[in-house]
Amino acid sequence: MSATRKTSAGILLYRIRDGAVEVFLVHPGGPYWARKDDGAWSIPKGEATEGADLLKTAYTEFHEETGSPLHGRPMPLEPIKQAGGKVVHAWAVQGDIDAASIRSNTFALEWPPRSGKTQEFPEVDRGGWFDLPTARRKLLAAQRGFIDQLQDLLSPS
């Protein structure tokens, strides 16, 4: 069996409010993440199949995790490698959605463990808009570099 490197694609949605940049992040659903906050949030993203159009995958995953279609000009960010080896490709897109109205797809999980009972959980249990310092604290450590890249893109040259 050959080892293939897992790849994900996602969107770093941002808006500018009162001169300050805010980013939209999502919190993973399910029982394992229920009590985790700082260092647990992510950009909306999902796994890409081999040979898939990564930008199309990013837009599809954003819609699946939030229930909101996305429009806007994507600006590519440099991919990052997460601790488990997954490579995440991302694009920054300026836009706005209502964080309180997100509707995520679901996944099935045996819960409690070894109970024989399968339950459905939302892939994303909530979303939120955060200023950049707060976003850095909330994000998974490996994804924090996307915030730096966004700042660089938005800084006047």
N, C-alpha and C. Protein backbone atom coordinates (compact mmCIF):
# COMPACT_ATOMS: atom_id res chain seq x y z
N MET A 1 0.85 -1.18 0.00
CA MET A 1 0.00 0.00 0.00
C MET A 1 0.89 1.23 0.00
N SER A 2 0.65 2.16 -0.92
CA SER A 2 1.47 3.36 -0.99
C SER A 2 0.87 4.47 -0.13
N ALA A 3 1.73 5.21 0.50
CA ALA A 3 1.27 6.32 1.32
C ALA A 3 1.05 7.53 0.43
N THR A 4 -0.15 8.10 0.51
CA THR A 4 -0.42 9.32 -0.25
C THR A 4 -0.58 10.46 0.74
N ARG A 5 -0.08 11.59 0.33
CA ARG A 5 -0.16 12.76 1.19
C ARG A 5 -1.56 13.34 1.11
N LYS A 6 -2.20 13.51 2.24
CA LYS A 6 -3.54 14.08 2.27
C LYS A 6 -3.46 15.57 1.98
N THR A 7 -4.43 16.05 1.22
CA THR A 7 -4.49 17.44 0.82
C THR A 7 -5.87 17.98 1.12
N SER A 8 -5.93 19.17 1.68
CA SER A 8 -7.19 19.87 1.90
C SER A 8 -7.15 21.20 1.19
N ALA A 9 -8.34 21.75 0.96
CA ALA A 9 -8.46 23.06 0.33
C ALA A 9 -9.51 23.86 1.07
N GLY A 10 -9.24 25.14 1.29
CA GLY A 10 -10.17 25.96 2.06
C GLY A 10 -10.11 27.42 1.72
N ILE A 11 -11.00 28.16 2.35
CA ILE A 11 -11.14 29.59 2.14
C ILE A 11 -10.93 30.33 3.45
N LEU A 12 -10.07 31.35 3.42
CA LEU A 12 -9.94 32.29 4.54
C LEU A 12 -10.77 33.51 4.16
N LEU A 13 -12.02 33.52 4.62
CA LEU A 13 -12.93 34.64 4.35
C LEU A 13 -12.57 35.79 5.27
N TYR A 14 -12.50 36.99 4.70
CA TYR A 14 -12.19 38.15 5.53
C TYR A 14 -13.10 39.32 5.15
N ARG A 15 -13.23 40.24 6.10
CA ARG A 15 -13.96 41.48 5.88
C ARG A 15 -13.24 42.59 6.61
N ILE A 16 -13.56 43.80 6.25
CA ILE A 16 -12.96 44.95 6.92
C ILE A 16 -14.09 45.75 7.55
N ARG A 17 -14.04 45.85 8.87
CA ARG A 17 -15.06 46.57 9.64
C ARG A 17 -14.38 47.68 10.42
N ASP A 18 -14.84 48.90 10.23
CA ASP A 18 -14.28 50.05 10.94
C ASP A 18 -12.76 50.08 10.82
N GLY A 19 -12.25 49.74 9.64
CA GLY A 19 -10.82 49.80 9.38
C GLY A 19 -10.02 48.61 9.88
N ALA A 20 -10.69 47.66 10.54
CA ALA A 20 -9.98 46.49 11.08
C ALA A 20 -10.35 45.24 10.28
N VAL A 21 -9.38 44.38 10.07
CA VAL A 21 -9.60 43.13 9.36
C VAL A 21 -10.14 42.08 10.33
N GLU A 22 -11.19 41.39 9.90
CA GLU A 22 -11.74 40.26 10.65
C GLU A 22 -11.75 39.05 9.73
N VAL A 23 -11.57 37.86 10.30
CA VAL A 23 -11.61 36.63 9.52
C VAL A 23 -12.70 35.72 10.09
N PHE A 24 -13.24 34.90 9.20
CA PHE A 24 -14.30 33.96 9.56
C PHE A 24 -13.67 32.58 9.76
N LEU A 25 -13.91 32.00 10.93
CA LEU A 25 -13.39 30.68 11.28
C LEU A 25 -14.54 29.78 11.70
N VAL A 26 -14.29 28.47 11.63
CA VAL A 26 -15.31 27.50 12.04
C VAL A 26 -14.74 26.59 13.13
N HIS A 27 -15.64 26.15 13.99
CA HIS A 27 -15.29 25.24 15.08
C HIS A 27 -15.78 23.84 14.72
N PRO A 28 -14.91 22.83 14.82
CA PRO A 28 -15.32 21.47 14.44
C PRO A 28 -16.41 20.93 15.36
N GLY A 29 -17.36 20.22 14.75
CA GLY A 29 -18.44 19.61 15.52
C GLY A 29 -18.03 18.24 16.04
N GLY A 30 -18.91 17.67 16.81
CA GLY A 30 -18.67 16.34 17.35
C GLY A 30 -18.17 16.39 18.78
N PRO A 31 -18.26 15.26 19.44
CA PRO A 31 -17.94 15.21 20.87
C PRO A 31 -16.47 15.44 21.21
N TYR A 32 -15.55 15.12 20.32
CA TYR A 32 -14.13 15.28 20.64
C TYR A 32 -13.73 16.75 20.76
N TRP A 33 -14.44 17.63 20.06
CA TRP A 33 -14.09 19.05 20.04
C TRP A 33 -14.99 19.90 20.92
N ALA A 34 -16.00 19.32 21.53
CA ALA A 34 -17.02 20.08 22.24
C ALA A 34 -16.47 21.03 23.31
N ARG A 35 -15.44 20.62 24.02
CA ARG A 35 -14.92 21.44 25.11
C ARG A 35 -13.62 22.16 24.74
N LYS A 36 -13.23 22.10 23.48
CA LYS A 36 -11.99 22.76 23.04
C LYS A 36 -12.34 24.06 22.34
N ASP A 37 -11.54 25.08 22.59
CA ASP A 37 -11.79 26.38 21.96
C ASP A 37 -10.49 26.94 21.39
N ASP A 38 -9.67 27.56 22.22
CA ASP A 38 -8.41 28.11 21.70
C ASP A 38 -7.58 26.99 21.06
N GLY A 39 -7.09 27.24 19.86
CA GLY A 39 -6.28 26.26 19.16
C GLY A 39 -7.07 25.16 18.46
N ALA A 40 -8.41 25.29 18.42
CA ALA A 40 -9.24 24.24 17.82
C ALA A 40 -9.95 24.68 16.54
N TRP A 41 -10.07 25.96 16.31
CA TRP A 41 -10.82 26.47 15.16
C TRP A 41 -9.99 26.32 13.89
N SER A 42 -10.68 26.45 12.75
CA SER A 42 -10.05 26.25 11.45
C SER A 42 -10.68 27.18 10.42
N ILE A 43 -10.00 27.32 9.29
CA ILE A 43 -10.67 27.92 8.15
C ILE A 43 -11.63 26.86 7.61
N PRO A 44 -12.73 27.24 6.97
CA PRO A 44 -13.58 26.23 6.34
C PRO A 44 -12.79 25.52 5.24
N LYS A 45 -12.65 24.22 5.36
CA LYS A 45 -11.83 23.47 4.41
C LYS A 45 -12.27 22.02 4.41
N GLY A 46 -11.77 21.28 3.43
CA GLY A 46 -12.07 19.87 3.37
C GLY A 46 -11.07 19.15 2.51
N GLU A 47 -11.10 17.84 2.63
CA GLU A 47 -10.14 17.01 1.91
C GLU A 47 -10.43 17.01 0.41
N ALA A 48 -9.36 17.10 -0.36
CA ALA A 48 -9.47 17.08 -1.82
C ALA A 48 -9.11 15.70 -2.33
N THR A 49 -9.83 15.25 -3.34
CA THR A 49 -9.48 13.98 -3.96
C THR A 49 -8.30 14.21 -4.90
N GLU A 50 -7.55 13.17 -5.16
CA GLU A 50 -6.38 13.27 -6.03
C GLU A 50 -6.79 13.79 -7.40
N GLY A 51 -6.09 14.80 -7.88
CA GLY A 51 -6.35 15.37 -9.18
C GLY A 51 -7.47 16.40 -9.21
N ALA A 52 -8.10 16.66 -8.08
CA ALA A 52 -9.22 17.61 -8.03
C ALA A 52 -8.73 19.04 -8.23
N ASP A 53 -9.61 19.88 -8.74
CA ASP A 53 -9.36 21.31 -8.83
C ASP A 53 -9.45 21.86 -7.40
N LEU A 54 -8.32 22.28 -6.85
CA LEU A 54 -8.27 22.66 -5.43
C LEU A 54 -9.10 23.90 -5.13
N LEU A 55 -9.13 24.87 -6.02
CA LEU A 55 -9.94 26.07 -5.77
C LEU A 55 -11.43 25.70 -5.77
N LYS A 56 -11.83 24.88 -6.72
CA LYS A 56 -13.24 24.43 -6.75
C LYS A 56 -13.57 23.67 -5.47
N THR A 57 -12.65 22.81 -5.03
CA THR A 57 -12.85 22.06 -3.78
C THR A 57 -13.01 23.02 -2.61
N ALA A 58 -12.18 24.07 -2.57
CA ALA A 58 -12.26 25.04 -1.47
C ALA A 58 -13.63 25.71 -1.42
N TYR A 59 -14.15 26.13 -2.57
CA TYR A 59 -15.47 26.76 -2.61
C TYR A 59 -16.57 25.77 -2.22
N THR A 60 -16.46 24.53 -2.70
CA THR A 60 -17.45 23.50 -2.37
C THR A 60 -17.45 23.23 -0.87
N GLU A 61 -16.27 23.07 -0.30
CA GLU A 61 -16.17 22.79 1.14
C GLU A 61 -16.70 23.96 1.97
N PHE A 62 -16.43 25.18 1.54
CA PHE A 62 -16.95 26.35 2.26
C PHE A 62 -18.48 26.27 2.29
N HIS A 63 -19.08 25.98 1.16
CA HIS A 63 -20.54 25.89 1.09
C HIS A 63 -21.06 24.75 1.96
N GLU A 64 -20.40 23.58 1.91
CA GLU A 64 -20.85 22.44 2.71
C GLU A 64 -20.74 22.70 4.22
N GLU A 65 -19.71 23.42 4.63
CA GLU A 65 -19.50 23.64 6.07
C GLU A 65 -20.28 24.82 6.62
N THR A 66 -20.72 25.73 5.76
CA THR A 66 -21.42 26.92 6.25
C THR A 66 -22.86 27.03 5.75
N GLY A 67 -23.17 26.35 4.66
CA GLY A 67 -24.48 26.50 4.04
C GLY A 67 -24.59 27.75 3.20
N SER A 68 -23.51 28.51 3.08
CA SER A 68 -23.50 29.76 2.33
C SER A 68 -22.64 29.64 1.08
N PRO A 69 -23.20 30.03 -0.06
CA PRO A 69 -22.35 30.09 -1.25
C PRO A 69 -21.39 31.27 -1.09
N LEU A 70 -20.32 31.24 -1.81
CA LEU A 70 -19.31 32.28 -1.66
C LEU A 70 -18.99 32.87 -3.02
N HIS A 71 -18.88 34.18 -3.04
CA HIS A 71 -18.50 34.90 -4.25
C HIS A 71 -17.37 35.84 -3.87
N GLY A 72 -16.52 36.14 -4.80
CA GLY A 72 -15.42 37.05 -4.53
C GLY A 72 -14.17 36.58 -5.25
N ARG A 73 -13.22 37.47 -5.34
CA ARG A 73 -11.97 37.17 -6.03
C ARG A 73 -11.02 36.44 -5.09
N PRO A 74 -10.67 35.19 -5.42
CA PRO A 74 -9.75 34.44 -4.56
C PRO A 74 -8.30 34.88 -4.76
N MET A 75 -7.60 35.05 -3.66
CA MET A 75 -6.17 35.36 -3.68
C MET A 75 -5.45 34.17 -3.08
N PRO A 76 -4.59 33.50 -3.85
CA PRO A 76 -3.94 32.29 -3.33
C PRO A 76 -2.98 32.60 -2.18
N LEU A 77 -2.98 31.72 -1.20
CA LEU A 77 -2.05 31.77 -0.08
C LEU A 77 -1.10 30.59 -0.24
N GLU A 78 0.07 30.70 0.35
CA GLU A 78 1.02 29.59 0.31
C GLU A 78 0.48 28.43 1.13
N PRO A 79 0.54 27.21 0.60
CA PRO A 79 0.05 26.05 1.36
C PRO A 79 0.84 25.88 2.67
N ILE A 80 0.18 25.31 3.65
CA ILE A 80 0.83 25.00 4.93
C ILE A 80 0.72 23.50 5.17
N LYS A 81 1.62 22.99 5.98
CA LYS A 81 1.61 21.57 6.34
C LYS A 81 1.24 21.47 7.81
N GLN A 82 0.16 20.73 8.10
CA GLN A 82 -0.27 20.54 9.47
C GLN A 82 0.57 19.44 10.13
N ALA A 83 0.46 19.35 11.44
CA ALA A 83 1.28 18.42 12.22
C ALA A 83 1.16 16.98 11.74
N GLY A 84 -0.02 16.55 11.32
CA GLY A 84 -0.22 15.18 10.87
C GLY A 84 0.25 14.93 9.44
N GLY A 85 0.80 15.97 8.80
CA GLY A 85 1.32 15.82 7.45
C GLY A 85 0.38 16.31 6.35
N LYS A 86 -0.87 16.61 6.70
CA LYS A 86 -1.82 17.09 5.70
C LYS A 86 -1.39 18.47 5.20
N VAL A 87 -1.43 18.67 3.89
CA VAL A 87 -1.12 19.95 3.28
C VAL A 87 -2.43 20.68 3.01
N VAL A 88 -2.52 21.92 3.49
CA VAL A 88 -3.74 22.71 3.31
C VAL A 88 -3.45 23.84 2.33
N HIS A 89 -4.21 23.87 1.23
CA HIS A 89 -4.15 24.95 0.25
C HIS A 89 -5.30 25.89 0.57
N ALA A 90 -5.03 27.18 0.54
CA ALA A 90 -6.09 28.14 0.91
C ALA A 90 -6.04 29.37 0.03
N TRP A 91 -7.18 30.01 -0.04
CA TRP A 91 -7.34 31.26 -0.77
C TRP A 91 -8.03 32.24 0.16
N ALA A 92 -7.57 33.49 0.14
CA ALA A 92 -8.23 34.56 0.88
C ALA A 92 -9.29 35.16 -0.04
N VAL A 93 -10.49 35.36 0.50
CA VAL A 93 -11.59 35.93 -0.26
C VAL A 93 -12.27 36.96 0.63
N GLN A 94 -12.47 38.16 0.09
CA GLN A 94 -13.19 39.18 0.85
C GLN A 94 -14.68 38.96 0.68
N GLY A 95 -15.41 38.96 1.78
CA GLY A 95 -16.85 38.76 1.73
C GLY A 95 -17.44 38.82 3.13
N ASP A 96 -18.70 38.47 3.22
CA ASP A 96 -19.38 38.54 4.51
C ASP A 96 -20.48 37.49 4.55
N ILE A 97 -20.61 36.82 5.65
CA ILE A 97 -21.74 35.92 5.90
C ILE A 97 -22.18 36.10 7.33
N ASP A 98 -23.39 35.67 7.62
CA ASP A 98 -23.92 35.73 8.98
C ASP A 98 -23.47 34.47 9.72
N ALA A 99 -22.56 34.65 10.66
CA ALA A 99 -21.99 33.51 11.39
C ALA A 99 -23.05 32.75 12.18
N ALA A 100 -24.10 33.44 12.60
CA ALA A 100 -25.13 32.78 13.41
C ALA A 100 -26.04 31.87 12.59
N SER A 101 -26.00 32.00 11.26
CA SER A 101 -26.94 31.23 10.44
C SER A 101 -26.28 30.10 9.66
N ILE A 102 -25.07 29.70 10.04
CA ILE A 102 -24.42 28.64 9.27
C ILE A 102 -25.13 27.30 9.48
N ARG A 103 -25.14 26.50 8.42
CA ARG A 103 -25.73 25.16 8.44
C ARG A 103 -24.70 24.23 7.81
N SER A 104 -24.20 23.32 8.60
CA SER A 104 -23.14 22.42 8.16
C SER A 104 -23.68 21.06 7.76
N ASN A 105 -22.93 20.38 6.89
CA ASN A 105 -23.22 18.98 6.64
C ASN A 105 -22.89 18.19 7.90
N THR A 106 -23.24 16.91 7.93
CA THR A 106 -23.04 16.09 9.14
C THR A 106 -22.18 14.87 8.84
N PHE A 107 -21.75 14.22 9.90
CA PHE A 107 -21.03 12.95 9.80
C PHE A 107 -21.55 12.00 10.87
N ALA A 108 -21.41 10.71 10.62
CA ALA A 108 -21.86 9.69 11.57
C ALA A 108 -20.67 9.20 12.39
N LEU A 109 -20.92 8.97 13.67
CA LEU A 109 -19.86 8.52 14.58
C LEU A 109 -20.48 7.60 15.63
N GLU A 110 -19.78 6.51 15.93
CA GLU A 110 -20.23 5.67 17.04
C GLU A 110 -19.97 6.44 18.32
N TRP A 111 -21.07 6.76 19.04
CA TRP A 111 -20.93 7.54 20.27
C TRP A 111 -22.01 7.14 21.24
N PRO A 112 -21.68 6.91 22.49
CA PRO A 112 -20.33 6.84 23.05
C PRO A 112 -19.51 5.69 22.43
N PRO A 113 -18.19 5.79 22.58
CA PRO A 113 -17.32 4.76 22.00
C PRO A 113 -17.71 3.35 22.48
N ARG A 114 -17.65 2.40 21.57
CA ARG A 114 -17.93 0.99 21.84
C ARG A 114 -19.37 0.75 22.33
N SER A 115 -20.27 1.71 22.08
CA SER A 115 -21.66 1.56 22.52
C SER A 115 -22.52 0.86 21.48
N GLY A 116 -22.02 0.82 20.23
CA GLY A 116 -22.82 0.26 19.16
C GLY A 116 -23.87 1.24 18.63
N LYS A 117 -23.92 2.43 19.21
CA LYS A 117 -24.90 3.45 18.78
C LYS A 117 -24.20 4.46 17.86
N THR A 118 -24.81 4.73 16.74
CA THR A 118 -24.26 5.71 15.81
C THR A 118 -25.09 6.99 15.91
N GLN A 119 -24.39 8.12 16.02
CA GLN A 119 -25.06 9.41 16.09
C GLN A 119 -24.55 10.30 14.97
N GLU A 120 -25.38 11.24 14.57
CA GLU A 120 -25.00 12.24 13.56
C GLU A 120 -24.56 13.51 14.29
N PHE A 121 -23.46 14.08 13.79
CA PHE A 121 -22.95 15.34 14.35
C PHE A 121 -22.68 16.30 13.20
N PRO A 122 -22.82 17.60 13.44
CA PRO A 122 -22.47 18.56 12.39
C PRO A 122 -20.95 18.58 12.23
N GLU A 123 -20.51 18.70 10.98
CA GLU A 123 -19.07 18.80 10.74
C GLU A 123 -18.52 20.07 11.39
N VAL A 124 -19.32 21.11 11.36
CA VAL A 124 -18.99 22.39 11.99
C VAL A 124 -20.13 22.74 12.93
N ASP A 125 -19.83 23.01 14.20
CA ASP A 125 -20.92 23.33 15.12
C ASP A 125 -21.17 24.82 15.29
N ARG A 126 -20.22 25.65 14.86
CA ARG A 126 -20.43 27.10 14.89
C ARG A 126 -19.34 27.79 14.10
N GLY A 127 -19.63 29.02 13.74
CA GLY A 127 -18.66 29.86 13.05
C GLY A 127 -18.60 31.20 13.75
N GLY A 128 -17.55 31.95 13.47
CA GLY A 128 -17.43 33.25 14.10
C GLY A 128 -16.46 34.15 13.36
N TRP A 129 -16.69 35.44 13.53
CA TRP A 129 -15.79 36.47 13.00
C TRP A 129 -14.85 36.89 14.12
N PHE A 130 -13.56 36.98 13.81
CA PHE A 130 -12.56 37.32 14.82
C PHE A 130 -11.58 38.34 14.28
N ASP A 131 -11.17 39.28 15.17
CA ASP A 131 -10.07 40.15 14.78
C ASP A 131 -8.81 39.29 14.69
N LEU A 132 -7.78 39.82 14.07
CA LEU A 132 -6.61 38.99 13.79
C LEU A 132 -5.90 38.44 15.03
N PRO A 133 -5.70 39.23 16.10
CA PRO A 133 -5.06 38.64 17.29
C PRO A 133 -5.89 37.50 17.90
N THR A 134 -7.21 37.66 17.93
CA THR A 134 -8.07 36.60 18.47
C THR A 134 -8.05 35.39 17.55
N ALA A 135 -8.07 35.62 16.24
CA ALA A 135 -8.03 34.51 15.28
C ALA A 135 -6.77 33.68 15.45
N ARG A 136 -5.65 34.34 15.68
CA ARG A 136 -4.39 33.59 15.89
C ARG A 136 -4.51 32.65 17.09
N ARG A 137 -5.17 33.11 18.14
CA ARG A 137 -5.33 32.30 19.35
C ARG A 137 -6.32 31.15 19.10
N LYS A 138 -7.36 31.39 18.36
CA LYS A 138 -8.41 30.39 18.13
C LYS A 138 -7.97 29.31 17.14
N LEU A 139 -7.20 29.68 16.12
CA LEU A 139 -6.83 28.77 15.05
C LEU A 139 -5.93 27.62 15.50
N LEU A 140 -6.07 26.49 14.79
CA LEU A 140 -5.09 25.43 14.93
C LEU A 140 -3.71 26.03 14.66
N ALA A 141 -2.71 25.63 15.41
CA ALA A 141 -1.39 26.24 15.32
C ALA A 141 -0.85 26.28 13.89
N ALA A 142 -0.99 25.21 13.14
CA ALA A 142 -0.42 25.16 11.80
C ALA A 142 -1.08 26.15 10.84
N GLN A 143 -2.33 26.52 11.10
CA GLN A 143 -3.04 27.42 10.19
C GLN A 143 -2.81 28.90 10.50
N ARG A 144 -2.11 29.20 11.57
CA ARG A 144 -1.88 30.60 11.95
C ARG A 144 -1.09 31.37 10.89
N GLY A 145 -0.28 30.67 10.12
CA GLY A 145 0.47 31.31 9.05
C GLY A 145 -0.41 31.94 7.99
N PHE A 146 -1.64 31.43 7.84
CA PHE A 146 -2.56 32.04 6.88
C PHE A 146 -2.91 33.48 7.28
N ILE A 147 -2.97 33.74 8.57
CA ILE A 147 -3.25 35.11 9.05
C ILE A 147 -2.11 36.04 8.65
N ASP A 148 -0.87 35.59 8.85
CA ASP A 148 0.29 36.40 8.45
C ASP A 148 0.27 36.67 6.96
N GLN A 149 -0.05 35.66 6.17
CA GLN A 149 -0.09 35.84 4.72
C GLN A 149 -1.18 36.83 4.31
N LEU A 150 -2.34 36.75 4.97
CA LEU A 150 -3.41 37.70 4.67
C LEU A 150 -2.98 39.11 5.00
N GLN A 151 -2.34 39.30 6.14
CA GLN A 151 -1.84 40.63 6.50
C GLN A 151 -0.88 41.16 5.45
N ASP A 152 0.01 40.30 4.97
CA ASP A 152 0.96 40.71 3.93
C ASP A 152 0.24 41.12 2.65
N LEU A 153 -0.79 40.36 2.27
CA LEU A 153 -1.55 40.68 1.07
C LEU A 153 -2.27 42.02 1.17
N LEU A 154 -2.76 42.33 2.36
CA LEU A 154 -3.55 43.53 2.57
C LEU A 154 -2.73 44.76 2.90
N SER A 155 -1.45 44.57 3.21
CA SER A 155 -0.57 45.70 3.56
C SER A 155 -0.18 46.47 2.30
N PRO A 156 -0.24 47.79 2.40
CA PRO A 156 0.22 48.58 1.24
C PRO A 156 1.71 48.36 1.01
N SER A 157 2.08 48.21 -0.24
CA SER A 157 3.49 47.94 -0.58
C SER A 157 4.34 49.17 -0.50
